[in-house]
Protein backbone atom coordinates (compact mmCIF):
# COMPACT_ATOMS: atom_id res chain seq x y z
CA MET A 1 14.36 -34.52 18.83
CA LYS A 2 11.63 -31.93 18.98
CA PRO A 3 8.87 -31.37 16.49
CA ALA A 4 9.12 -28.45 13.93
CA SER A 5 7.03 -25.49 14.59
CA PRO A 6 4.48 -24.42 12.17
CA VAL A 7 6.34 -21.51 11.14
CA ALA A 8 9.22 -23.64 10.40
CA LEU A 9 6.94 -26.00 8.34
CA LEU A 10 5.94 -22.97 6.66
CA HIS A 11 8.94 -21.38 5.97
CA PRO A 12 11.96 -23.73 6.34
CA SER A 13 14.42 -20.66 5.87
CA GLY A 14 13.31 -19.72 9.54
CA ASP A 15 12.30 -15.97 8.31
CA LYS A 16 12.44 -13.73 11.49
CA ARG A 17 9.43 -11.53 9.85
CA LEU A 18 6.88 -14.57 10.07
CA LYS A 19 8.11 -15.38 13.61
CA MET A 20 7.33 -11.61 14.40
CA LEU A 21 4.15 -11.68 12.63
CA ASP A 22 2.93 -14.83 14.93
CA ALA A 23 3.97 -12.83 18.07
CA THR A 24 1.66 -10.08 16.91
CA MET A 25 -1.24 -12.83 16.45
CA LYS A 26 -0.77 -14.14 19.54
CA ARG A 27 -0.61 -10.87 21.37
CA HIS A 28 -4.28 -10.54 19.67
CA GLN A 29 -5.07 -13.97 20.77
CA TYR A 30 -5.72 -15.05 17.19
CA GLN A 31 -9.15 -12.78 17.39
CA GLN A 32 -10.36 -12.18 14.12
CA ASP A 33 -11.28 -8.52 14.88
CA ALA A 34 -7.62 -7.79 14.78
CA LEU A 35 -7.38 -8.74 11.30
CA ILE A 36 -6.70 -4.89 10.30
CA GLU A 37 -3.85 -4.50 13.14
CA ILE A 38 -2.37 -8.05 11.95
CA LEU A 39 -2.43 -6.80 8.39
CA HIS A 40 -0.83 -3.67 9.27
CA LYS A 41 2.16 -5.58 10.94
CA ALA A 42 2.41 -7.88 8.13
CA GLN A 43 2.60 -5.06 5.58
CA GLU A 44 5.19 -3.33 8.09
CA LEU A 45 7.44 -6.78 8.09
CA TYR A 46 7.52 -7.39 4.51
CA GLY A 47 6.80 -4.07 2.72
CA TYR A 48 3.46 -5.51 1.15
CA LEU A 49 0.73 -8.21 1.21
CA LYS A 50 1.81 -11.49 -0.76
CA THR A 51 -0.72 -13.70 -1.69
CA ASP A 52 0.91 -16.53 0.66
CA LEU A 53 0.86 -14.13 3.38
CA LEU A 54 -2.73 -13.42 3.32
CA LEU A 55 -3.45 -17.30 3.15
CA TYR A 56 -1.03 -17.50 6.14
CA ILE A 57 -2.88 -14.87 8.36
CA ALA A 58 -6.57 -16.38 6.98
CA ARG A 59 -5.21 -19.85 8.04
CA GLN A 60 -3.87 -18.41 11.39
CA LEU A 61 -7.08 -16.26 12.30
CA LYS A 62 -9.63 -19.22 10.82
CA LEU A 63 -11.06 -16.61 8.47
CA PRO A 64 -11.73 -17.32 4.89
CA PRO A 65 -8.93 -16.45 2.59
CA SER A 66 -11.76 -14.18 0.43
CA GLN A 67 -12.46 -12.28 3.81
CA VAL A 68 -8.60 -11.54 4.26
CA TYR A 69 -8.49 -10.34 0.77
CA GLY A 70 -11.29 -8.33 0.96
CA VAL A 71 -10.02 -6.17 4.06
CA ALA A 72 -6.63 -5.81 2.30
CA THR A 73 -7.91 -4.62 -1.04
CA PHE A 74 -10.73 -2.55 0.54
CA TYR A 75 -8.06 -0.16 2.40
CA HIS A 76 -5.98 1.95 0.19
CA LEU A 77 -3.26 1.73 2.55
CA PHE A 78 -2.65 -1.96 2.25
CA SER A 79 -0.58 -2.93 -0.80
CA LEU A 80 -0.64 -6.32 -2.67
CA ALA A 81 2.34 -5.46 -4.81
CA PRO A 82 6.05 -4.14 -3.84
CA GLN A 83 6.02 -0.68 -3.17
CA GLY A 84 8.40 2.06 -4.77
CA VAL A 85 10.66 4.20 -2.45
CA HIS A 86 8.53 7.00 -3.05
CA SER A 87 4.48 7.38 -3.38
CA CYS A 88 2.48 9.53 -4.97
CA VAL A 89 -1.59 9.31 -4.02
CA VAL A 90 -3.85 11.20 -5.70
CA CYS A 91 -7.06 12.03 -4.33
CA THR A 92 -10.53 10.84 -6.24
CA GLY A 93 -13.19 11.84 -3.95
CA THR A 94 -15.81 14.02 -5.36
CA ALA A 95 -14.26 17.35 -4.46
CA CYS A 96 -10.96 16.44 -5.93
CA TYR A 97 -12.90 14.71 -8.69
CA VAL A 98 -14.70 18.04 -9.74
CA LYS A 99 -11.47 20.29 -9.26
CA GLY A 100 -9.62 18.00 -11.49
CA ALA A 101 -8.19 15.20 -9.84
CA GLN A 102 -8.69 12.90 -13.27
CA ALA A 103 -6.36 15.42 -15.22
CA ILE A 104 -3.66 15.21 -12.50
CA LEU A 105 -3.78 11.29 -12.54
CA ALA A 106 -3.13 11.35 -16.14
CA SER A 107 -0.38 13.81 -16.12
CA VAL A 108 1.41 11.61 -13.39
CA GLU A 109 0.72 8.57 -15.46
CA ALA A 110 2.25 9.79 -18.58
CA THR A 111 4.96 11.51 -16.57
CA ALA A 112 6.05 8.23 -14.50
CA HIS A 113 4.93 5.92 -17.45
CA ILE A 114 3.21 3.70 -14.94
CA ARG A 115 -0.93 3.50 -14.11
CA ALA A 116 -2.53 4.05 -10.99
CA GLY A 117 -1.58 1.22 -8.59
CA GLU A 118 1.62 0.52 -10.48
CA THR A 119 5.30 1.17 -9.35
CA THR A 120 7.89 2.43 -12.27
CA ALA A 121 10.32 -0.14 -13.02
CA ASN A 122 13.46 1.15 -10.76
CA ASN A 123 10.90 0.89 -7.92
CA GLN A 124 11.49 4.82 -7.46
CA LEU A 125 7.69 5.62 -7.61
CA SER A 126 4.29 3.94 -6.86
CA LEU A 127 1.12 5.89 -8.00
CA MET A 128 -2.21 4.99 -5.88
CA THR A 129 -5.43 6.71 -5.46
CA ALA A 130 -7.62 6.94 -2.74
CA ARG A 131 -11.47 7.24 -2.65
CA CYS A 132 -10.85 10.21 -0.23
CA LEU A 133 -8.53 11.62 1.66
CA GLY A 134 -10.54 14.03 3.85
CA ALA A 135 -9.20 16.89 2.67
CA CYS A 136 -11.93 18.33 0.55
CA GLY A 137 -11.06 22.15 1.68
CA ILE A 138 -8.02 22.03 -0.22
CA ALA A 139 -9.02 19.93 -3.14
CA PRO A 140 -7.57 18.74 -5.60
CA ALA A 141 -5.28 17.16 -3.06
CA VAL A 142 -2.33 14.43 -3.49
CA VAL A 143 -0.29 12.79 -0.86
CA PHE A 144 3.68 12.67 -1.66
CA ASP A 145 5.36 10.22 0.61
CA GLY A 146 3.08 11.08 3.28
CA THR A 147 2.65 14.57 2.94
CA VAL A 148 -0.84 16.16 1.99
CA LEU A 149 -0.76 18.91 -0.25
CA GLY A 150 -3.67 20.84 -1.52
CA ASN A 151 -4.95 22.95 -4.41
CA GLN A 152 -2.90 20.94 -6.85
CA THR A 153 -2.73 21.19 -10.62
CA PRO A 154 -1.31 18.61 -13.42
CA GLU A 155 1.43 21.26 -13.51
CA SER A 156 2.54 21.33 -10.12
CA VAL A 157 2.61 17.51 -9.40
CA CYS A 158 4.88 17.24 -12.30
CA GLU A 159 6.84 19.82 -11.25
CA TRP A 160 7.39 18.24 -8.21
CA LEU A 161 8.13 14.68 -9.64
CA ASN A 162 10.59 16.61 -12.03
CA HIS A 163 12.20 18.13 -9.11
CA CYS A 164 12.47 15.34 -6.65
CA PHE A 165 13.06 12.54 -9.09
CA ALA A 166 14.73 14.40 -11.98
CA GLU A 167 15.17 11.42 -14.44
CA ARG A 168 15.16 8.50 -11.81
CA ILE A 169 11.14 8.02 -12.06
CA GLN A 170 11.34 6.45 -15.33
CA GLY A 171 12.57 2.73 -15.15
């Protein structure tokens, strides 16, 4: 009888995603400095970074869980919760903040009935903030489903949400 692999011991379901993540770590030779690339792969495979997945990565790379969690929470592109079908990222960097980012954020929160960092109950929209998108010349900037739009107002953002999602954004 063949001994079970560490993957099978952790996930008796034989989840192929975990096997693919293991292949990525092996390709990077379990190097600790490949953590960001490995987290990207994990999020690509699972949609978000679950706590048990972060612990698994920490164990495999022989890193403290606090370090893996710290990296996952530092970068706004990583998510620790399931994401919606669509995303809205409001830049809160200095230029955007001065030109009204807080009003835009408040307007989106009121329209979608969620707060920054949350997803609507029907998983249609995730609302996030970013410290700076690097689009200061077109401040205030908002990213809808990966497309950066500049010179936004609370009205233009909510109009976009209402146009694209009609009644679907509310859970």
